């Protein structure tokens, strides 16, 4: 009979956790791998609490992981996965139940997560555990962005962030919340009379971090005014109705994925 144990993720190094994470996400809908530096960046940027996160071991060998990030009385599941050889055995549920109980002992009042809409088994698990869908958020890409001149200007980052905080109409997803964006360096800013956007460049690709716009046209102008060398664009978890979603679509972008944003309200340890 297999021996199953759950241990705090803090017992492993970032390099070891990256390997466990990669194995847990092998064959996922959107395949990706993390090296040690990328894993460490995620831990720092999203406020992952490795003492509260858990690794599941089968016969002493890591077989899966559930990462819990904590900000005040709110938590966020930054990744749940089980290695292919051990899927279908209830290990994902054991990980989630353990992490939820830990969250309760830490005084958290709610836990958030996102799940790809085609991932029906995961959605069923989260609903079984008491999570409810709050809204849908979209992942957008634009691979052939065309640059155009508009009446926009660079302004201090603090000025744009203050405007975004005043004018945002919806809550930011965890990955683009103010606390996450505060960890980013080399953030660039554009502002117009109709909106503002924070973004970060990596080679020819630009990632929008936060933005507000009066309407779709205002968002489109900000996107077109981004640096000419940034030919590709990525927008993570834009909420339904966000003008940047519509603007990217109108510019020929692709909605790569839709995710359910789900939330569990905590009132104590999770019952069986």
C-alpha atoms as a PDB file:
ATOM      1  CA  UNK A   1       0.000   0.000   0.000  1.00  0.00           C
ATOM      2  CA  UNK A   2       1.317   3.411  -0.972  1.00  0.00           C
ATOM      3  CA  UNK A   3       2.351   5.805   1.768  1.00  0.00           C
ATOM      4  CA  UNK A   4       1.027   9.360   1.306  1.00  0.00           C
ATOM      5  CA  UNK A   5       2.244  12.373   3.288  1.00  0.00           C
ATOM      6  CA  UNK A   6       1.802  16.132   3.075  1.00  0.00           C
ATOM      7  CA  UNK A   7       4.615  18.485   4.021  1.00  0.00           C
ATOM      8  CA  UNK A   8       5.163  22.269   3.905  1.00  0.00           C
ATOM      9  CA  UNK A   9       6.671  23.397   0.612  1.00  0.00           C
ATOM     10  CA  UNK A  10       9.247  25.382   2.579  1.00  0.00           C
ATOM     11  CA  UNK A  11      11.078  22.095   3.203  1.00  0.00           C
ATOM     12  CA  UNK A  12      12.331  22.215  -0.411  1.00  0.00           C
ATOM     13  CA  UNK A  13      14.539  24.652  -2.279  1.00  0.00           C
ATOM     14  CA  UNK A  14      13.183  26.835  -5.070  1.00  0.00           C
ATOM     15  CA  UNK A  15      14.969  24.652  -7.607  1.00  0.00           C
ATOM     16  CA  UNK A  16      13.381  21.509  -6.181  1.00  0.00           C
ATOM     17  CA  UNK A  17       9.946  23.129  -6.050  1.00  0.00           C
ATOM     18  CA  UNK A  18      10.278  24.242  -9.670  1.00  0.00           C
ATOM     19  CA  UNK A  19      10.926  20.617 -10.663  1.00  0.00           C
ATOM     20  CA  UNK A  20       7.947  19.405  -8.604  1.00  0.00           C
ATOM     21  CA  UNK A  21       5.755  22.113 -10.165  1.00  0.00           C
ATOM     22  CA  UNK A  22       6.869  21.234 -13.702  1.00  0.00           C
ATOM     23  CA  UNK A  23       6.118  17.548 -13.180  1.00  0.00           C
ATOM     24  CA  UNK A  24       2.708  18.411 -11.740  1.00  0.00           C
ATOM     25  CA  UNK A  25       1.803  20.495 -14.808  1.00  0.00           C
ATOM     26  CA  UNK A  26       3.094  18.068 -17.436  1.00  0.00           C
ATOM     27  CA  UNK A  27       0.428  17.597 -20.109  1.00  0.00           C
ATOM     28  CA  UNK A  28      -1.610  20.570 -18.898  1.00  0.00           C
ATOM     29  CA  UNK A  29      -3.804  22.608 -21.265  1.00  0.00           C
ATOM     30  CA  UNK A  30      -1.125  25.280 -21.543  1.00  0.00           C
ATOM     31  CA  UNK A  31       2.235  23.493 -21.159  1.00  0.00           C
ATOM     32  CA  UNK A  32       4.958  25.522 -19.510  1.00  0.00           C
ATOM     33  CA  UNK A  33       8.049  24.965 -17.426  1.00  0.00           C
ATOM     34  CA  UNK A  34       9.710  27.068 -14.768  1.00  0.00           C
ATOM     35  CA  UNK A  35      13.368  27.277 -13.868  1.00  0.00           C
ATOM     36  CA  UNK A  36      14.567  28.173 -10.392  1.00  0.00           C
ATOM     37  CA  UNK A  37      14.662  31.918 -11.119  1.00  0.00           C
ATOM     38  CA  UNK A  38      11.148  31.949 -12.547  1.00  0.00           C
ATOM     39  CA  UNK A  39       9.782  30.029  -9.585  1.00  0.00           C
ATOM     40  CA  UNK A  40      11.472  32.395  -7.139  1.00  0.00           C
ATOM     41  CA  UNK A  41      10.031  35.362  -9.057  1.00  0.00           C
ATOM     42  CA  UNK A  42       6.513  33.934  -8.741  1.00  0.00           C
ATOM     43  CA  UNK A  43       6.953  33.311  -5.019  1.00  0.00           C
ATOM     44  CA  UNK A  44       8.056  36.906  -4.465  1.00  0.00           C
ATOM     45  CA  UNK A  45       5.671  38.657  -6.845  1.00  0.00           C
ATOM     46  CA  UNK A  46       2.518  36.825  -5.836  1.00  0.00           C
ATOM     47  CA  UNK A  47       3.354  36.577  -2.105  1.00  0.00           C
ATOM     48  CA  UNK A  48       3.396  32.782  -2.054  1.00  0.00           C
ATOM     49  CA  UNK A  49       3.659  31.472   1.508  1.00  0.00           C
ATOM     50  CA  UNK A  50       5.735  28.310   1.254  1.00  0.00           C
ATOM     51  CA  UNK A  51       5.118  27.454   4.905  1.00  0.00           C
ATOM     52  CA  UNK A  52       1.376  27.369   4.158  1.00  0.00           C
ATOM     53  CA  UNK A  53       1.790  25.680   0.776  1.00  0.00           C
ATOM     54  CA  UNK A  54       1.994  21.897   0.593  1.00  0.00           C
ATOM     55  CA  UNK A  55       3.859  19.163  -1.294  1.00  0.00           C
ATOM     56  CA  UNK A  56       2.351  15.671  -1.399  1.00  0.00           C
ATOM     57  CA  UNK A  57       4.739  12.721  -1.207  1.00  0.00           C
ATOM     58  CA  UNK A  58       3.990   9.181  -2.337  1.00  0.00           C
ATOM     59  CA  UNK A  59       6.353   6.645  -0.792  1.00  0.00           C
ATOM     60  CA  UNK A  60       8.621   9.532   0.127  1.00  0.00           C
ATOM     61  CA  UNK A  61       8.825  11.005  -3.390  1.00  0.00           C
ATOM     62  CA  UNK A  62       7.209  14.382  -4.246  1.00  0.00           C
ATOM     63  CA  UNK A  63       4.142  13.808  -6.406  1.00  0.00           C
ATOM     64  CA  UNK A  64       2.331  17.146  -6.433  1.00  0.00           C
ATOM     65  CA  UNK A  65       2.059  20.649  -5.069  1.00  0.00           C
ATOM     66  CA  UNK A  66      -0.492  23.243  -3.973  1.00  0.00           C
ATOM     67  CA  UNK A  67       0.788  26.811  -3.613  1.00  0.00           C
ATOM     68  CA  UNK A  68      -1.018  29.264  -1.339  1.00  0.00           C
ATOM     69  CA  UNK A  69      -0.325  32.988  -1.492  1.00  0.00           C
ATOM     70  CA  UNK A  70      -1.445  35.203   1.386  1.00  0.00           C
ATOM     71  CA  UNK A  71      -2.224  38.921   1.608  1.00  0.00           C
ATOM     72  CA  UNK A  72      -3.871  39.991   4.833  1.00  0.00           C
ATOM     73  CA  UNK A  73      -6.993  37.858   5.277  1.00  0.00           C
ATOM     74  CA  UNK A  74      -7.125  36.841   1.608  1.00  0.00           C
ATOM     75  CA  UNK A  75      -5.470  33.853  -0.017  1.00  0.00           C
ATOM     76  CA  UNK A  76      -4.913  32.714  -3.581  1.00  0.00           C
ATOM     77  CA  UNK A  77      -4.127  29.278  -4.984  1.00  0.00           C
ATOM     78  CA  UNK A  78      -1.114  29.928  -7.184  1.00  0.00           C
ATOM     79  CA  UNK A  79      -0.990  26.417  -8.590  1.00  0.00           C
ATOM     80  CA  UNK A  80      -2.350  22.947  -7.913  1.00  0.00           C
ATOM     81  CA  UNK A  81      -1.034  19.917  -9.745  1.00  0.00           C
ATOM     82  CA  UNK A  82      -0.216  16.244  -9.401  1.00  0.00           C
ATOM     83  CA  UNK A  83       2.384  14.302 -11.403  1.00  0.00           C
ATOM     84  CA  UNK A  84       0.879  12.256 -14.231  1.00  0.00           C
ATOM     85  CA  UNK A  85       1.627   8.872 -12.657  1.00  0.00           C
ATOM     86  CA  UNK A  86      -0.384   9.763  -9.553  1.00  0.00           C
ATOM     87  CA  UNK A  87      -3.423  11.504 -11.021  1.00  0.00           C
ATOM     88  CA  UNK A  88      -6.907  10.189 -10.381  1.00  0.00           C
ATOM     89  CA  UNK A  89      -6.077   9.050  -6.848  1.00  0.00           C
ATOM     90  CA  UNK A  90      -7.523  11.966  -4.898  1.00  0.00           C
ATOM     91  CA  UNK A  91      -4.181  13.618  -4.174  1.00  0.00           C
ATOM     92  CA  UNK A  92      -5.298  16.964  -5.580  1.00  0.00           C
ATOM     93  CA  UNK A  93      -8.256  16.998  -3.199  1.00  0.00           C
ATOM     94  CA  UNK A  94      -6.027  16.056  -0.256  1.00  0.00           C
ATOM     95  CA  UNK A  95      -3.679  18.904  -1.111  1.00  0.00           C
ATOM     96  CA  UNK A  96      -6.520  21.406  -1.396  1.00  0.00           C
ATOM     97  CA  UNK A  97      -8.194  20.332   1.844  1.00  0.00           C
ATOM     98  CA  UNK A  98      -4.919  20.579   3.731  1.00  0.00           C
ATOM     99  CA  UNK A  99      -4.136  24.036   2.340  1.00  0.00           C
ATOM    100  CA  UNK A 100      -7.672  25.264   3.058  1.00  0.00           C
ATOM    101  CA  UNK A 101      -7.371  24.097   6.655  1.00  0.00           C
ATOM    102  CA  UNK A 102      -3.997  25.834   6.975  1.00  0.00           C
ATOM    103  CA  UNK A 103      -5.586  29.001   5.587  1.00  0.00           C
ATOM    104  CA  UNK A 104      -8.242  28.807   8.270  1.00  0.00           C
ATOM    105  CA  UNK A 105      -5.640  28.556  11.021  1.00  0.00           C
ATOM    106  CA  UNK A 106      -3.931  31.632   9.555  1.00  0.00           C
ATOM    107  CA  UNK A 107      -7.146  33.650   9.898  1.00  0.00           C
ATOM    108  CA  UNK A 108      -7.910  33.924   6.201  1.00  0.00           C
ATOM    109  CA  UNK A 109     -11.491  34.829   5.328  1.00  0.00           C
ATOM    110  CA  UNK A 110     -11.454  33.912   1.663  1.00  0.00           C
ATOM    111  CA  UNK A 111      -9.398  32.009  -0.903  1.00  0.00           C
ATOM    112  CA  UNK A 112      -9.355  32.845  -4.617  1.00  0.00           C
ATOM    113  CA  UNK A 113      -8.199  30.929  -7.673  1.00  0.00           C
ATOM    114  CA  UNK A 114      -8.526  30.842 -11.446  1.00  0.00           C
ATOM    115  CA  UNK A 115      -9.227  27.722 -13.474  1.00  0.00           C
ATOM    116  CA  UNK A 116      -9.359  27.277 -17.245  1.00  0.00           C
ATOM    117  CA  UNK A 117     -12.953  26.762 -18.352  1.00  0.00           C
ATOM    118  CA  UNK A 118     -12.173  23.494 -20.240  1.00  0.00           C
ATOM    119  CA  UNK A 119     -10.690  21.976 -17.068  1.00  0.00           C
ATOM    120  CA  UNK A 120     -13.938  20.364 -15.964  1.00  0.00           C
ATOM    121  CA  UNK A 121     -12.428  17.930 -13.407  1.00  0.00           C
ATOM    122  CA  UNK A 122     -10.717  20.788 -11.574  1.00  0.00           C
ATOM    123  CA  UNK A 123     -13.867  22.907 -11.625  1.00  0.00           C
ATOM    124  CA  UNK A 124     -15.848  19.991 -10.192  1.00  0.00           C
ATOM    125  CA  UNK A 125     -13.268  19.566  -7.416  1.00  0.00           C
ATOM    126  CA  UNK A 126     -13.314  23.244  -6.505  1.00  0.00           C
ATOM    127  CA  UNK A 127     -17.106  23.316  -6.432  1.00  0.00           C
ATOM    128  CA  UNK A 128     -17.080  20.205  -4.220  1.00  0.00           C
ATOM    129  CA  UNK A 129     -14.822  22.085  -1.816  1.00  0.00           C
ATOM    130  CA  UNK A 130     -17.203  25.044  -1.722  1.00  0.00           C
ATOM    131  CA  UNK A 131     -15.679  27.421  -4.266  1.00  0.00           C
ATOM    132  CA  UNK A 132     -18.128  29.480  -6.325  1.00  0.00           C
ATOM    133  CA  UNK A 133     -17.584  31.180  -9.683  1.00  0.00           C
ATOM    134  CA  UNK A 134     -17.371  34.953  -9.225  1.00  0.00           C
ATOM    135  CA  UNK A 135     -16.608  36.066 -12.788  1.00  0.00           C
ATOM    136  CA  UNK A 136     -14.767  35.086 -15.952  1.00  0.00           C
ATOM    137  CA  UNK A 137     -11.424  36.576 -16.981  1.00  0.00           C
ATOM    138  CA  UNK A 138      -9.755  36.295 -20.383  1.00  0.00           C
ATOM    139  CA  UNK A 139      -6.182  35.802 -21.540  1.00  0.00           C
ATOM    140  CA  UNK A 140      -5.469  37.768 -24.733  1.00  0.00           C
ATOM    141  CA  UNK A 141      -2.553  37.804 -27.164  1.00  0.00           C
ATOM    142  CA  UNK A 142      -1.801  40.090 -30.085  1.00  0.00           C
ATOM    143  CA  UNK A 143       1.040  38.831 -32.254  1.00  0.00           C
ATOM    144  CA  UNK A 144       1.208  41.489 -34.977  1.00  0.00           C
ATOM    145  CA  UNK A 145       0.657  44.783 -33.233  1.00  0.00           C
ATOM    146  CA  UNK A 146       0.752  47.886 -35.424  1.00  0.00           C
ATOM    147  CA  UNK A 147       2.146  51.053 -33.891  1.00  0.00           C
ATOM    148  CA  UNK A 148       0.379  54.379 -34.494  1.00  0.00           C
ATOM    149  CA  UNK A 149       0.842  57.910 -33.205  1.00  0.00           C
ATOM    150  CA  UNK A 150      -1.649  59.197 -30.657  1.00  0.00           C
ATOM    151  CA  UNK A 151      -1.764  61.996 -28.137  1.00  0.00           C
ATOM    152  CA  UNK A 152      -0.175  60.062 -25.275  1.00  0.00           C
ATOM    153  CA  UNK A 153       2.739  60.789 -22.982  1.00  0.00           C
ATOM    154  CA  UNK A 154       4.987  59.111 -20.468  1.00  0.00           C
ATOM    155  CA  UNK A 155       4.308  60.092 -16.865  1.00  0.00           C
ATOM    156  CA  UNK A 156       5.750  59.025 -13.508  1.00  0.00           C
ATOM    157  CA  UNK A 157       4.706  55.538 -12.519  1.00  0.00           C
ATOM    158  CA  UNK A 158       3.181  56.783  -9.255  1.00  0.00           C
ATOM    159  CA  UNK A 159       0.968  59.227 -11.140  1.00  0.00           C
ATOM    160  CA  UNK A 160      -0.408  56.548 -13.445  1.00  0.00           C
ATOM    161  CA  UNK A 161      -0.931  54.100 -10.582  1.00  0.00           C
ATOM    162  CA  UNK A 162      -2.880  56.707  -8.631  1.00  0.00           C
ATOM    163  CA  UNK A 163      -5.089  57.359 -11.648  1.00  0.00           C
ATOM    164  CA  UNK A 164      -5.692  53.665 -12.223  1.00  0.00           C
ATOM    165  CA  UNK A 165      -6.610  53.223  -8.559  1.00  0.00           C
ATOM    166  CA  UNK A 166      -9.136  56.078  -8.845  1.00  0.00           C
ATOM    167  CA  UNK A 167     -10.686  55.077 -12.140  1.00  0.00           C
ATOM    168  CA  UNK A 168     -10.647  51.264 -12.186  1.00  0.00           C
ATOM    169  CA  UNK A 169     -14.117  49.826 -12.462  1.00  0.00           C
ATOM    170  CA  UNK A 170     -13.343  46.268 -11.424  1.00  0.00           C
ATOM    171  CA  UNK A 171     -11.094  44.508  -8.961  1.00  0.00           C
ATOM    172  CA  UNK A 172      -7.728  43.501 -10.412  1.00  0.00           C
ATOM    173  CA  UNK A 173      -6.967  39.758 -10.554  1.00  0.00           C
ATOM    174  CA  UNK A 174      -4.343  38.603  -8.066  1.00  0.00           C
ATOM    175  CA  UNK A 175      -1.514  38.478 -10.625  1.00  0.00           C
ATOM    176  CA  UNK A 176      -2.071  42.127 -11.607  1.00  0.00           C
ATOM    177  CA  UNK A 177      -3.153  43.513  -8.236  1.00  0.00           C
ATOM    178  CA  UNK A 178      -1.319  46.532  -6.856  1.00  0.00           C
ATOM    179  CA  UNK A 179       0.649  44.281  -4.497  1.00  0.00           C
ATOM    180  CA  UNK A 180       1.885  42.184  -7.435  1.00  0.00           C
ATOM    181  CA  UNK A 181       2.735  45.126  -9.679  1.00  0.00           C
ATOM    182  CA  UNK A 182       4.722  46.719  -6.846  1.00  0.00           C
ATOM    183  CA  UNK A 183       7.297  43.925  -7.226  1.00  0.00           C
ATOM    184  CA  UNK A 184       7.986  44.682 -10.898  1.00  0.00           C
ATOM    185  CA  UNK A 185      10.982  46.735 -11.966  1.00  0.00           C
ATOM    186  CA  UNK A 186      11.412  48.617 -15.254  1.00  0.00           C
ATOM    187  CA  UNK A 187       7.687  49.261 -15.527  1.00  0.00           C
ATOM    188  CA  UNK A 188       6.816  51.755 -18.263  1.00  0.00           C
ATOM    189  CA  UNK A 189       3.794  54.028 -18.430  1.00  0.00           C
ATOM    190  CA  UNK A 190       1.628  55.729 -21.013  1.00  0.00           C
ATOM    191  CA  UNK A 191      -1.176  58.166 -20.261  1.00  0.00           C
ATOM    192  CA  UNK A 192      -3.704  60.018 -22.375  1.00  0.00           C
ATOM    193  CA  UNK A 193      -6.774  62.093 -21.667  1.00  0.00           C
ATOM    194  CA  UNK A 194      -8.783  58.884 -21.965  1.00  0.00           C
ATOM    195  CA  UNK A 195      -6.764  56.445 -19.893  1.00  0.00           C
ATOM    196  CA  UNK A 196      -3.460  55.094 -18.635  1.00  0.00           C
ATOM    197  CA  UNK A 197      -1.558  51.827 -18.849  1.00  0.00           C
ATOM    198  CA  UNK A 198       1.362  50.199 -17.038  1.00  0.00           C
ATOM    199  CA  UNK A 199       3.390  47.715 -19.057  1.00  0.00           C
ATOM    200  CA  UNK A 200       6.636  45.792 -19.097  1.00  0.00           C
ATOM    201  CA  UNK A 201       8.737  44.853 -22.110  1.00  0.00           C
ATOM    202  CA  UNK A 202      10.698  41.670 -22.737  1.00  0.00           C
ATOM    203  CA  UNK A 203      12.455  41.754 -26.112  1.00  0.00           C
ATOM    204  CA  UNK A 204       9.700  42.351 -28.700  1.00  0.00           C
ATOM    205  CA  UNK A 205       6.858  41.331 -26.386  1.00  0.00           C
ATOM    206  CA  UNK A 206       5.008  43.643 -24.051  1.00  0.00           C
ATOM    207  CA  UNK A 207       2.826  42.580 -21.138  1.00  0.00           C
ATOM    208  CA  UNK A 208       0.085  44.916 -19.967  1.00  0.00           C
ATOM    209  CA  UNK A 209       0.119  45.015 -16.179  1.00  0.00           C
ATOM    210  CA  UNK A 210      -2.727  47.398 -15.399  1.00  0.00           C
ATOM    211  CA  UNK A 211      -4.800  49.859 -17.348  1.00  0.00           C
ATOM    212  CA  UNK A 212      -7.881  52.038 -17.325  1.00  0.00           C
ATOM    213  CA  UNK A 213      -9.636  53.558 -20.302  1.00  0.00           C
ATOM    214  CA  UNK A 214     -12.835  55.508 -20.816  1.00  0.00           C
ATOM    215  CA  UNK A 215     -13.894  53.115 -23.567  1.00  0.00           C
ATOM    216  CA  UNK A 216     -12.641  50.667 -26.189  1.00  0.00           C
ATOM    217  CA  UNK A 217     -11.265  53.450 -28.389  1.00  0.00           C
ATOM    218  CA  UNK A 218      -9.274  54.915 -25.504  1.00  0.00           C
ATOM    219  CA  UNK A 219      -7.776  51.500 -24.748  1.00  0.00           C
ATOM    220  CA  UNK A 220      -6.990  50.922 -28.426  1.00  0.00           C
ATOM    221  CA  UNK A 221      -5.128  54.220 -28.687  1.00  0.00           C
ATOM    222  CA  UNK A 222      -2.948  53.330 -25.696  1.00  0.00           C
ATOM    223  CA  UNK A 223      -2.163  49.911 -27.189  1.00  0.00           C
ATOM    224  CA  UNK A 224      -1.298  51.396 -30.584  1.00  0.00           C
ATOM    225  CA  UNK A 225       0.944  53.997 -28.911  1.00  0.00           C
ATOM    226  CA  UNK A 226       3.145  51.398 -27.225  1.00  0.00           C
ATOM    227  CA  UNK A 227       6.781  51.362 -28.435  1.00  0.00           C
ATOM    228  CA  UNK A 228       7.058  50.363 -32.102  1.00  0.00           C
ATOM    229  CA  UNK A 229       9.548  47.575 -31.406  1.00  0.00           C
ATOM    230  CA  UNK A 230       6.988  45.825 -29.185  1.00  0.00           C
ATOM    231  CA  UNK A 231       5.252  43.838 -31.915  1.00  0.00           C
ATOM    232  CA  UNK A 232       3.560  41.264 -29.660  1.00  0.00           C
ATOM    233  CA  UNK A 233       1.299  41.853 -26.679  1.00  0.00           C
ATOM    234  CA  UNK A 234      -0.001  39.795 -23.763  1.00  0.00           C
ATOM    235  CA  UNK A 235      -2.925  40.673 -21.457  1.00  0.00           C
ATOM    236  CA  UNK A 236      -3.548  38.330 -18.542  1.00  0.00           C
ATOM    237  CA  UNK A 237      -6.969  37.822 -16.976  1.00  0.00           C
ATOM    238  CA  UNK A 238      -8.868  40.801 -18.304  1.00  0.00           C
ATOM    239  CA  UNK A 239     -12.315  40.782 -16.630  1.00  0.00           C
ATOM    240  CA  UNK A 240     -15.445  40.606 -18.715  1.00  0.00           C
ATOM    241  CA  UNK A 241     -16.382  44.047 -19.992  1.00  0.00           C
ATOM    242  CA  UNK A 242     -12.879  45.482 -19.660  1.00  0.00           C
ATOM    243  CA  UNK A 243     -12.231  47.904 -22.571  1.00  0.00           C
ATOM    244  CA  UNK A 244      -8.748  46.445 -23.102  1.00  0.00           C
ATOM    245  CA  UNK A 245     -10.311  43.071 -23.941  1.00  0.00           C
ATOM    246  CA  UNK A 246     -12.434  44.651 -26.638  1.00  0.00           C
ATOM    247  CA  UNK A 247      -9.571  46.809 -27.909  1.00  0.00           C
ATOM    248  CA  UNK A 248      -7.196  43.878 -28.320  1.00  0.00           C
ATOM    249  CA  UNK A 249      -9.911  41.919 -30.115  1.00  0.00           C
ATOM    250  CA  UNK A 250     -10.600  44.804 -32.487  1.00  0.00           C
ATOM    251  CA  UNK A 251      -6.887  45.007 -33.312  1.00  0.00           C
ATOM    252  CA  UNK A 252      -6.795  41.372 -34.408  1.00  0.00           C
ATOM    253  CA  UNK A 253      -5.880  39.806 -31.087  1.00  0.00           C
ATOM    254  CA  UNK A 254      -6.821  36.319 -29.992  1.00  0.00           C
ATOM    255  CA  UNK A 255      -8.615  35.274 -26.849  1.00  0.00           C
ATOM    256  CA  UNK A 256      -6.293  32.426 -25.902  1.00  0.00           C
ATOM    257  CA  UNK A 257      -8.182  31.232 -22.830  1.00  0.00           C
ATOM    258  CA  UNK A 258     -11.066  32.059 -20.553  1.00  0.00           C
ATOM    259  CA  UNK A 259     -10.776  31.287 -16.866  1.00  0.00           C
ATOM    260  CA  UNK A 260     -13.320  31.116 -14.083  1.00  0.00           C
ATOM    261  CA  UNK A 261     -12.294  33.199 -11.117  1.00  0.00           C
ATOM    262  CA  UNK A 262     -13.578  31.329  -8.068  1.00  0.00           C
ATOM    263  CA  UNK A 263     -13.744  32.148  -4.368  1.00  0.00           C
ATOM    264  CA  UNK A 264     -14.192  30.163  -1.163  1.00  0.00           C
ATOM    265  CA  UNK A 265     -15.461  31.960   1.926  1.00  0.00           C
ATOM    266  CA  UNK A 266     -13.858  30.488   5.043  1.00  0.00           C
ATOM    267  CA  UNK A 267     -15.643  30.032   8.333  1.00  0.00           C
ATOM    268  CA  UNK A 268     -13.314  27.478   9.932  1.00  0.00           C
ATOM    269  CA  UNK A 269     -11.775  24.121   9.006  1.00  0.00           C
ATOM    270  CA  UNK A 270     -13.291  22.440   5.955  1.00  0.00           C
ATOM    271  CA  UNK A 271     -15.725  19.654   6.825  1.00  0.00           C
ATOM    272  CA  UNK A 272     -15.326  16.196   5.195  1.00  0.00           C
END
